[in-house]
């Protein structure tokens, strides 16, 4: 399988790639915070945020089609959570519909809140795509550790990144073995299929647990003391300071603009 679906294009050599991971993490976090605090209905401010994040993505040379695919994958989950807001938000009625025994009423304020949530979520996802597409995940984890994030969380994310691909490969091998036994054929009953999938999930859990025990024993035998050591050393340069200050000033200007107009 391809093992670059999390941080693809992170090995580039653009100005954005050369920035310190701590600078990029702080930039992405500040952008998401600014978007979240923008009042609903500030469409001009949302347009400016889109221009800002596009100005970050273009120098990184990340393909537009890749950005759209990654961002639209998450949007259906956001829409599923927010789709009911127009029916429960009070305000001027935009329409009323009879669904079986219920009468559903849609309000204009509810529609505005729904669009506001979708826009904020999409802009935040674009910011995270920029972060992961310009920063190798091991470097990002090292930066988070330098920023005093709890070591347990950093270690958990590091192990997740290292062994997620192994678990996916394990699932693919189990799926291939299942399909080679004519799983899902016309003669197979639905109950048998569910039982087989349940057995696969249980087997994967047991194998993952046993692998974790073996990894822990191997790390203990090598004297692992909880510190993640790497050959890459982060350096905060003048370009990082100038980029962070300039980006912060732009976001402050957009925030003031959203409050005034």
C-alpha atoms as a PDB file:
ATOM      1  CA  UNK A   1       0.000   0.000   0.000  1.00  0.00           C
ATOM      2  CA  UNK A   2       1.041   3.628  -0.315  1.00  0.00           C
ATOM      3  CA  UNK A   3       2.367   4.940   2.992  1.00  0.00           C
ATOM      4  CA  UNK A   4       2.251   8.651   2.159  1.00  0.00           C
ATOM      5  CA  UNK A   5      -1.439   9.415   2.503  1.00  0.00           C
ATOM      6  CA  UNK A   6      -0.961  11.332   5.753  1.00  0.00           C
ATOM      7  CA  UNK A   7       1.836  13.743   4.861  1.00  0.00           C
ATOM      8  CA  UNK A   8       2.120  13.531   1.104  1.00  0.00           C
ATOM      9  CA  UNK A   9       4.082  16.356  -0.540  1.00  0.00           C
ATOM     10  CA  UNK A  10       5.783  17.089   2.797  1.00  0.00           C
ATOM     11  CA  UNK A  11       9.239  16.413   1.332  1.00  0.00           C
ATOM     12  CA  UNK A  12       9.165  19.457  -0.955  1.00  0.00           C
ATOM     13  CA  UNK A  13      11.734  22.231  -1.026  1.00  0.00           C
ATOM     14  CA  UNK A  14       9.642  25.395  -1.061  1.00  0.00           C
ATOM     15  CA  UNK A  15       9.811  28.293   1.374  1.00  0.00           C
ATOM     16  CA  UNK A  16       6.820  26.858   3.247  1.00  0.00           C
ATOM     17  CA  UNK A  17       8.547  23.487   3.620  1.00  0.00           C
ATOM     18  CA  UNK A  18      11.677  25.106   5.042  1.00  0.00           C
ATOM     19  CA  UNK A  19       9.828  26.928   7.808  1.00  0.00           C
ATOM     20  CA  UNK A  20      10.202  25.595  11.321  1.00  0.00           C
ATOM     21  CA  UNK A  21       7.403  23.128  12.274  1.00  0.00           C
ATOM     22  CA  UNK A  22       6.634  25.222  15.363  1.00  0.00           C
ATOM     23  CA  UNK A  23       6.073  28.276  13.182  1.00  0.00           C
ATOM     24  CA  UNK A  24       3.707  26.406  10.900  1.00  0.00           C
ATOM     25  CA  UNK A  25       1.816  24.793  13.768  1.00  0.00           C
ATOM     26  CA  UNK A  26       1.336  28.160  15.479  1.00  0.00           C
ATOM     27  CA  UNK A  27       0.279  29.699  12.165  1.00  0.00           C
ATOM     28  CA  UNK A  28      -2.315  26.990  11.508  1.00  0.00           C
ATOM     29  CA  UNK A  29      -3.629  27.196  15.079  1.00  0.00           C
ATOM     30  CA  UNK A  30      -3.891  30.987  14.910  1.00  0.00           C
ATOM     31  CA  UNK A  31      -5.727  30.779  11.589  1.00  0.00           C
ATOM     32  CA  UNK A  32      -8.255  28.261  12.950  1.00  0.00           C
ATOM     33  CA  UNK A  33      -8.788  30.398  16.061  1.00  0.00           C
ATOM     34  CA  UNK A  34      -9.363  33.517  13.949  1.00  0.00           C
ATOM     35  CA  UNK A  35     -11.850  31.696  11.730  1.00  0.00           C
ATOM     36  CA  UNK A  36     -13.709  30.246  14.731  1.00  0.00           C
ATOM     37  CA  UNK A  37     -14.059  33.673  16.376  1.00  0.00           C
ATOM     38  CA  UNK A  38     -15.372  35.382  13.235  1.00  0.00           C
ATOM     39  CA  UNK A  39     -19.028  36.409  13.688  1.00  0.00           C
ATOM     40  CA  UNK A  40     -21.620  34.551  11.591  1.00  0.00           C
ATOM     41  CA  UNK A  41     -22.493  36.277   8.353  1.00  0.00           C
ATOM     42  CA  UNK A  42     -19.097  37.964   7.898  1.00  0.00           C
ATOM     43  CA  UNK A  43     -18.854  36.756   4.307  1.00  0.00           C
ATOM     44  CA  UNK A  44     -16.163  39.275   3.339  1.00  0.00           C
ATOM     45  CA  UNK A  45     -13.974  38.089   6.186  1.00  0.00           C
ATOM     46  CA  UNK A  46     -14.447  34.474   5.101  1.00  0.00           C
ATOM     47  CA  UNK A  47     -13.447  35.491   1.587  1.00  0.00           C
ATOM     48  CA  UNK A  48     -10.286  37.115   2.944  1.00  0.00           C
ATOM     49  CA  UNK A  49      -9.483  33.977   4.943  1.00  0.00           C
ATOM     50  CA  UNK A  50      -9.797  31.941   1.763  1.00  0.00           C
ATOM     51  CA  UNK A  51      -7.401  34.306   0.001  1.00  0.00           C
ATOM     52  CA  UNK A  52      -4.935  33.999   2.895  1.00  0.00           C
ATOM     53  CA  UNK A  53      -4.927  30.205   2.994  1.00  0.00           C
ATOM     54  CA  UNK A  54      -4.671  30.080  -0.814  1.00  0.00           C
ATOM     55  CA  UNK A  55      -1.635  32.364  -0.611  1.00  0.00           C
ATOM     56  CA  UNK A  56      -0.049  29.806   1.714  1.00  0.00           C
ATOM     57  CA  UNK A  57      -0.926  26.771  -0.391  1.00  0.00           C
ATOM     58  CA  UNK A  58       0.244  28.104  -3.751  1.00  0.00           C
ATOM     59  CA  UNK A  59       3.935  28.612  -2.795  1.00  0.00           C
ATOM     60  CA  UNK A  60       3.919  25.116  -1.244  1.00  0.00           C
ATOM     61  CA  UNK A  61       3.177  23.681  -4.726  1.00  0.00           C
ATOM     62  CA  UNK A  62       0.494  21.345  -3.434  1.00  0.00           C
ATOM     63  CA  UNK A  63      -1.815  20.203  -6.280  1.00  0.00           C
ATOM     64  CA  UNK A  64      -5.234  21.868  -6.205  1.00  0.00           C
ATOM     65  CA  UNK A  65      -7.018  18.589  -6.969  1.00  0.00           C
ATOM     66  CA  UNK A  66      -5.325  16.931  -3.998  1.00  0.00           C
ATOM     67  CA  UNK A  67      -6.386  19.801  -1.711  1.00  0.00           C
ATOM     68  CA  UNK A  68     -10.000  19.609  -2.851  1.00  0.00           C
ATOM     69  CA  UNK A  69     -10.145  15.831  -2.427  1.00  0.00           C
ATOM     70  CA  UNK A  70      -8.680  15.938   1.063  1.00  0.00           C
ATOM     71  CA  UNK A  71     -10.941  18.782   2.189  1.00  0.00           C
ATOM     72  CA  UNK A  72     -14.138  17.344   0.733  1.00  0.00           C
ATOM     73  CA  UNK A  73     -13.573  13.959   2.394  1.00  0.00           C
ATOM     74  CA  UNK A  74     -14.192  15.487   5.826  1.00  0.00           C
ATOM     75  CA  UNK A  75     -17.062  17.789   4.874  1.00  0.00           C
ATOM     76  CA  UNK A  76     -19.787  15.083   4.732  1.00  0.00           C
ATOM     77  CA  UNK A  77     -19.121  14.252   8.402  1.00  0.00           C
ATOM     78  CA  UNK A  78     -19.437  17.933   9.330  1.00  0.00           C
ATOM     79  CA  UNK A  79     -22.622  18.231   7.282  1.00  0.00           C
ATOM     80  CA  UNK A  80     -24.132  15.198   9.043  1.00  0.00           C
ATOM     81  CA  UNK A  81     -23.669  16.923  12.407  1.00  0.00           C
ATOM     82  CA  UNK A  82     -24.898  20.344  11.308  1.00  0.00           C
ATOM     83  CA  UNK A  83     -27.694  19.447   8.893  1.00  0.00           C
ATOM     84  CA  UNK A  84     -30.348  19.538  11.625  1.00  0.00           C
ATOM     85  CA  UNK A  85     -29.532  23.066  12.818  1.00  0.00           C
ATOM     86  CA  UNK A  86     -31.882  24.854  10.334  1.00  0.00           C
ATOM     87  CA  UNK A  87     -34.814  22.821  11.691  1.00  0.00           C
ATOM     88  CA  UNK A  88     -34.260  23.688  15.355  1.00  0.00           C
ATOM     89  CA  UNK A  89     -32.905  27.243  15.184  1.00  0.00           C
ATOM     90  CA  UNK A  90     -35.488  29.911  15.951  1.00  0.00           C
ATOM     91  CA  UNK A  91     -36.164  32.902  13.744  1.00  0.00           C
ATOM     92  CA  UNK A  92     -38.021  33.846  10.576  1.00  0.00           C
ATOM     93  CA  UNK A  93     -39.481  30.803   8.850  1.00  0.00           C
ATOM     94  CA  UNK A  94     -38.058  30.050   5.406  1.00  0.00           C
ATOM     95  CA  UNK A  95     -40.190  26.983   4.714  1.00  0.00           C
ATOM     96  CA  UNK A  96     -42.255  24.255   6.312  1.00  0.00           C
ATOM     97  CA  UNK A  97     -42.362  20.593   5.285  1.00  0.00           C
ATOM     98  CA  UNK A  98     -44.497  17.643   6.359  1.00  0.00           C
ATOM     99  CA  UNK A  99     -42.479  14.455   6.831  1.00  0.00           C
ATOM    100  CA  UNK A 100     -44.778  11.609   7.789  1.00  0.00           C
ATOM    101  CA  UNK A 101     -46.143  12.605  11.244  1.00  0.00           C
ATOM    102  CA  UNK A 102     -43.785  15.545  11.791  1.00  0.00           C
ATOM    103  CA  UNK A 103     -43.846  19.081  10.513  1.00  0.00           C
ATOM    104  CA  UNK A 104     -40.338  20.423   9.977  1.00  0.00           C
ATOM    105  CA  UNK A 105     -39.733  24.168   9.842  1.00  0.00           C
ATOM    106  CA  UNK A 106     -36.615  25.736   8.343  1.00  0.00           C
ATOM    107  CA  UNK A 107     -35.541  29.217   9.446  1.00  0.00           C
ATOM    108  CA  UNK A 108     -33.288  31.737   7.714  1.00  0.00           C
ATOM    109  CA  UNK A 109     -31.113  32.094  10.802  1.00  0.00           C
ATOM    110  CA  UNK A 110     -30.689  28.314  10.926  1.00  0.00           C
ATOM    111  CA  UNK A 111     -29.578  28.241   7.288  1.00  0.00           C
ATOM    112  CA  UNK A 112     -27.101  31.027   8.010  1.00  0.00           C
ATOM    113  CA  UNK A 113     -25.672  29.095  10.973  1.00  0.00           C
ATOM    114  CA  UNK A 114     -25.382  25.954   8.818  1.00  0.00           C
ATOM    115  CA  UNK A 115     -23.489  27.788   6.075  1.00  0.00           C
ATOM    116  CA  UNK A 116     -21.327  29.460   8.724  1.00  0.00           C
ATOM    117  CA  UNK A 117     -20.357  26.090  10.242  1.00  0.00           C
ATOM    118  CA  UNK A 118     -19.587  24.561   6.847  1.00  0.00           C
ATOM    119  CA  UNK A 119     -17.413  27.519   5.815  1.00  0.00           C
ATOM    120  CA  UNK A 120     -15.492  27.590   9.083  1.00  0.00           C
ATOM    121  CA  UNK A 121     -14.936  23.841   8.984  1.00  0.00           C
ATOM    122  CA  UNK A 122     -13.738  23.932   5.369  1.00  0.00           C
ATOM    123  CA  UNK A 123     -11.313  26.791   6.009  1.00  0.00           C
ATOM    124  CA  UNK A 124      -9.961  25.033   9.100  1.00  0.00           C
ATOM    125  CA  UNK A 125      -9.475  21.825   7.135  1.00  0.00           C
ATOM    126  CA  UNK A 126      -7.572  23.748   4.450  1.00  0.00           C
ATOM    127  CA  UNK A 127      -5.269  25.089   7.145  1.00  0.00           C
ATOM    128  CA  UNK A 128      -4.575  21.569   8.439  1.00  0.00           C
ATOM    129  CA  UNK A 129      -3.957  20.331   4.891  1.00  0.00           C
ATOM    130  CA  UNK A 130      -1.396  23.101   4.445  1.00  0.00           C
ATOM    131  CA  UNK A 131       0.271  22.093   7.720  1.00  0.00           C
ATOM    132  CA  UNK A 132       0.483  18.367   6.952  1.00  0.00           C
ATOM    133  CA  UNK A 133       1.448  18.913   3.299  1.00  0.00           C
ATOM    134  CA  UNK A 134       4.446  21.089   4.159  1.00  0.00           C
ATOM    135  CA  UNK A 135       5.653  19.384   7.351  1.00  0.00           C
ATOM    136  CA  UNK A 136       6.876  15.847   7.855  1.00  0.00           C
ATOM    137  CA  UNK A 137       4.934  14.315  10.726  1.00  0.00           C
ATOM    138  CA  UNK A 138       8.062  13.275  12.699  1.00  0.00           C
ATOM    139  CA  UNK A 139       9.306  16.890  12.495  1.00  0.00           C
ATOM    140  CA  UNK A 140       5.900  18.164  13.562  1.00  0.00           C
ATOM    141  CA  UNK A 141       5.884  15.833  16.566  1.00  0.00           C
ATOM    142  CA  UNK A 142       9.372  17.007  17.487  1.00  0.00           C
ATOM    143  CA  UNK A 143       8.159  20.591  17.275  1.00  0.00           C
ATOM    144  CA  UNK A 144       5.175  19.813  19.490  1.00  0.00           C
ATOM    145  CA  UNK A 145       7.477  18.268  22.064  1.00  0.00           C
ATOM    146  CA  UNK A 146       9.648  21.395  21.998  1.00  0.00           C
ATOM    147  CA  UNK A 147       6.483  23.451  22.583  1.00  0.00           C
ATOM    148  CA  UNK A 148       5.954  21.580  25.863  1.00  0.00           C
ATOM    149  CA  UNK A 149       3.041  19.460  24.723  1.00  0.00           C
ATOM    150  CA  UNK A 150       2.559  16.525  27.133  1.00  0.00           C
ATOM    151  CA  UNK A 151       5.110  13.869  26.252  1.00  0.00           C
ATOM    152  CA  UNK A 152       2.525  11.091  26.516  1.00  0.00           C
ATOM    153  CA  UNK A 153       0.394  12.638  23.767  1.00  0.00           C
ATOM    154  CA  UNK A 154       3.417  13.161  21.513  1.00  0.00           C
ATOM    155  CA  UNK A 155       4.511   9.573  22.038  1.00  0.00           C
ATOM    156  CA  UNK A 156       1.030   8.233  21.307  1.00  0.00           C
ATOM    157  CA  UNK A 157       0.854  10.194  18.042  1.00  0.00           C
ATOM    158  CA  UNK A 158       4.347   9.016  17.140  1.00  0.00           C
ATOM    159  CA  UNK A 159       3.416   5.367  17.643  1.00  0.00           C
ATOM    160  CA  UNK A 160       0.181   5.897  15.743  1.00  0.00           C
ATOM    161  CA  UNK A 161       2.125   7.273  12.785  1.00  0.00           C
ATOM    162  CA  UNK A 162       4.670   4.468  12.880  1.00  0.00           C
ATOM    163  CA  UNK A 163       2.292   1.523  13.202  1.00  0.00           C
ATOM    164  CA  UNK A 164      -0.849   2.732  11.437  1.00  0.00           C
ATOM    165  CA  UNK A 165       0.577   1.612   8.106  1.00  0.00           C
ATOM    166  CA  UNK A 166       1.449  -1.816   9.526  1.00  0.00           C
ATOM    167  CA  UNK A 167      -2.116  -2.272  10.765  1.00  0.00           C
ATOM    168  CA  UNK A 168      -3.512  -1.189   7.395  1.00  0.00           C
ATOM    169  CA  UNK A 169      -1.249  -3.729   5.669  1.00  0.00           C
ATOM    170  CA  UNK A 170      -2.494  -6.365   8.080  1.00  0.00           C
ATOM    171  CA  UNK A 171      -6.101  -5.516   7.224  1.00  0.00           C
ATOM    172  CA  UNK A 172      -5.323  -5.700   3.505  1.00  0.00           C
ATOM    173  CA  UNK A 173      -3.768  -9.177   3.907  1.00  0.00           C
ATOM    174  CA  UNK A 174      -6.768 -10.368   5.898  1.00  0.00           C
ATOM    175  CA  UNK A 175      -9.105  -8.962   3.261  1.00  0.00           C
ATOM    176  CA  UNK A 176      -7.189 -10.721   0.494  1.00  0.00           C
ATOM    177  CA  UNK A 177      -7.364 -14.003   2.399  1.00  0.00           C
ATOM    178  CA  UNK A 178     -11.076 -13.490   2.956  1.00  0.00           C
ATOM    179  CA  UNK A 179     -11.771 -12.757  -0.716  1.00  0.00           C
ATOM    180  CA  UNK A 180      -9.759 -15.793  -1.826  1.00  0.00           C
ATOM    181  CA  UNK A 181     -12.257 -17.948   0.072  1.00  0.00           C
ATOM    182  CA  UNK A 182     -15.139 -16.631  -2.062  1.00  0.00           C
ATOM    183  CA  UNK A 183     -16.389 -14.253   0.608  1.00  0.00           C
ATOM    184  CA  UNK A 184     -19.433 -12.282  -0.498  1.00  0.00           C
ATOM    185  CA  UNK A 185     -20.570 -14.688  -3.178  1.00  0.00           C
ATOM    186  CA  UNK A 186     -24.196 -15.025  -4.165  1.00  0.00           C
ATOM    187  CA  UNK A 187     -24.573 -18.163  -2.107  1.00  0.00           C
ATOM    188  CA  UNK A 188     -23.198 -16.536   1.039  1.00  0.00           C
ATOM    189  CA  UNK A 189     -25.753 -15.464   3.622  1.00  0.00           C
ATOM    190  CA  UNK A 190     -25.711 -12.074   5.296  1.00  0.00           C
ATOM    191  CA  UNK A 191     -25.291 -13.613   8.750  1.00  0.00           C
ATOM    192  CA  UNK A 192     -22.203 -15.533   7.638  1.00  0.00           C
ATOM    193  CA  UNK A 193     -20.653 -12.372   6.210  1.00  0.00           C
ATOM    194  CA  UNK A 194     -21.255 -10.429   9.433  1.00  0.00           C
ATOM    195  CA  UNK A 195     -19.772 -13.269  11.489  1.00  0.00           C
ATOM    196  CA  UNK A 196     -16.677 -13.355   9.264  1.00  0.00           C
ATOM    197  CA  UNK A 197     -16.141  -9.601   9.522  1.00  0.00           C
ATOM    198  CA  UNK A 198     -16.557  -9.821  13.307  1.00  0.00           C
ATOM    199  CA  UNK A 199     -13.940 -12.565  13.472  1.00  0.00           C
ATOM    200  CA  UNK A 200     -11.584 -10.399  11.397  1.00  0.00           C
ATOM    201  CA  UNK A 201     -12.015  -7.467  13.779  1.00  0.00           C
ATOM    202  CA  UNK A 202     -11.342  -9.680  16.792  1.00  0.00           C
ATOM    203  CA  UNK A 203      -8.271 -11.210  15.147  1.00  0.00           C
ATOM    204  CA  UNK A 204      -6.931  -7.773  14.235  1.00  0.00           C
ATOM    205  CA  UNK A 205      -7.370  -6.603  17.839  1.00  0.00           C
ATOM    206  CA  UNK A 206      -5.517  -9.623  19.230  1.00  0.00           C
ATOM    207  CA  UNK A 207      -2.686  -9.254  16.715  1.00  0.00           C
ATOM    208  CA  UNK A 208      -2.392  -5.552  17.457  1.00  0.00           C
ATOM    209  CA  UNK A 209      -2.268  -6.206  21.201  1.00  0.00           C
ATOM    210  CA  UNK A 210       0.385  -8.898  20.811  1.00  0.00           C
ATOM    211  CA  UNK A 211       2.422  -6.668  18.506  1.00  0.00           C
ATOM    212  CA  UNK A 212       2.251  -3.883  21.086  1.00  0.00           C
ATOM    213  CA  UNK A 213       3.566  -6.245  23.761  1.00  0.00           C
ATOM    214  CA  UNK A 214       6.465  -7.301  21.528  1.00  0.00           C
ATOM    215  CA  UNK A 215       7.319  -3.692  20.683  1.00  0.00           C
ATOM    216  CA  UNK A 216       7.236  -2.711  24.363  1.00  0.00           C
ATOM    217  CA  UNK A 217       9.530  -5.614  25.286  1.00  0.00           C
ATOM    218  CA  UNK A 218      11.960  -4.691  22.492  1.00  0.00           C
ATOM    219  CA  UNK A 219      12.014  -1.003  23.531  1.00  0.00           C
ATOM    220  CA  UNK A 220      12.544  -1.892  27.193  1.00  0.00           C
ATOM    221  CA  UNK A 221      15.411  -4.220  26.238  1.00  0.00           C
ATOM    222  CA  UNK A 222      17.066  -1.294  24.419  1.00  0.00           C
ATOM    223  CA  UNK A 223      16.767   1.021  27.397  1.00  0.00           C
ATOM    224  CA  UNK A 224      14.002   3.327  26.133  1.00  0.00           C
ATOM    225  CA  UNK A 225      13.485   6.068  28.735  1.00  0.00           C
ATOM    226  CA  UNK A 226      10.523   7.927  27.240  1.00  0.00           C
ATOM    227  CA  UNK A 227      12.536  10.443  25.211  1.00  0.00           C
ATOM    228  CA  UNK A 228      12.237  10.402  21.420  1.00  0.00           C
ATOM    229  CA  UNK A 229      15.645  11.035  19.878  1.00  0.00           C
ATOM    230  CA  UNK A 230      16.167  12.093  16.280  1.00  0.00           C
ATOM    231  CA  UNK A 231      18.989  13.218  14.040  1.00  0.00           C
ATOM    232  CA  UNK A 232      16.993  16.225  12.809  1.00  0.00           C
ATOM    233  CA  UNK A 233      17.490  19.374  14.856  1.00  0.00           C
ATOM    234  CA  UNK A 234      14.948  22.167  14.626  1.00  0.00           C
ATOM    235  CA  UNK A 235      16.147  25.737  14.251  1.00  0.00           C
ATOM    236  CA  UNK A 236      14.019  28.866  14.606  1.00  0.00           C
ATOM    237  CA  UNK A 237      15.411  31.396  12.102  1.00  0.00           C
ATOM    238  CA  UNK A 238      14.781  35.037  11.286  1.00  0.00           C
ATOM    239  CA  UNK A 239      12.518  34.030   8.394  1.00  0.00           C
ATOM    240  CA  UNK A 240      10.285  32.144  10.842  1.00  0.00           C
ATOM    241  CA  UNK A 241       9.967  35.201  13.089  1.00  0.00           C
ATOM    242  CA  UNK A 242       9.191  37.528  10.176  1.00  0.00           C
ATOM    243  CA  UNK A 243       6.676  35.107   8.697  1.00  0.00           C
ATOM    244  CA  UNK A 244       4.937  34.583  12.030  1.00  0.00           C
ATOM    245  CA  UNK A 245       4.738  38.301  12.812  1.00  0.00           C
ATOM    246  CA  UNK A 246       3.504  39.240   9.331  1.00  0.00           C
ATOM    247  CA  UNK A 247       0.909  36.464   9.296  1.00  0.00           C
ATOM    248  CA  UNK A 248      -0.334  37.438  12.771  1.00  0.00           C
ATOM    249  CA  UNK A 249      -0.735  41.075  11.735  1.00  0.00           C
ATOM    250  CA  UNK A 250      -2.748  40.050   8.665  1.00  0.00           C
ATOM    251  CA  UNK A 251      -5.082  37.886  10.761  1.00  0.00           C
ATOM    252  CA  UNK A 252      -5.529  40.697  13.300  1.00  0.00           C
ATOM    253  CA  UNK A 253      -6.415  43.072  10.475  1.00  0.00           C
ATOM    254  CA  UNK A 254      -8.985  40.627   9.081  1.00  0.00           C
ATOM    255  CA  UNK A 255     -10.418  40.113  12.589  1.00  0.00           C
ATOM    256  CA  UNK A 256     -10.860  43.862  13.068  1.00  0.00           C
ATOM    257  CA  UNK A 257     -12.370  44.101   9.594  1.00  0.00           C
ATOM    258  CA  UNK A 258     -14.900  41.382  10.418  1.00  0.00           C
ATOM    259  CA  UNK A 259     -15.970  43.263  13.558  1.00  0.00           C
ATOM    260  CA  UNK A 260     -16.432  46.579  11.746  1.00  0.00           C
ATOM    261  CA  UNK A 261     -18.192  45.371   8.604  1.00  0.00           C
END
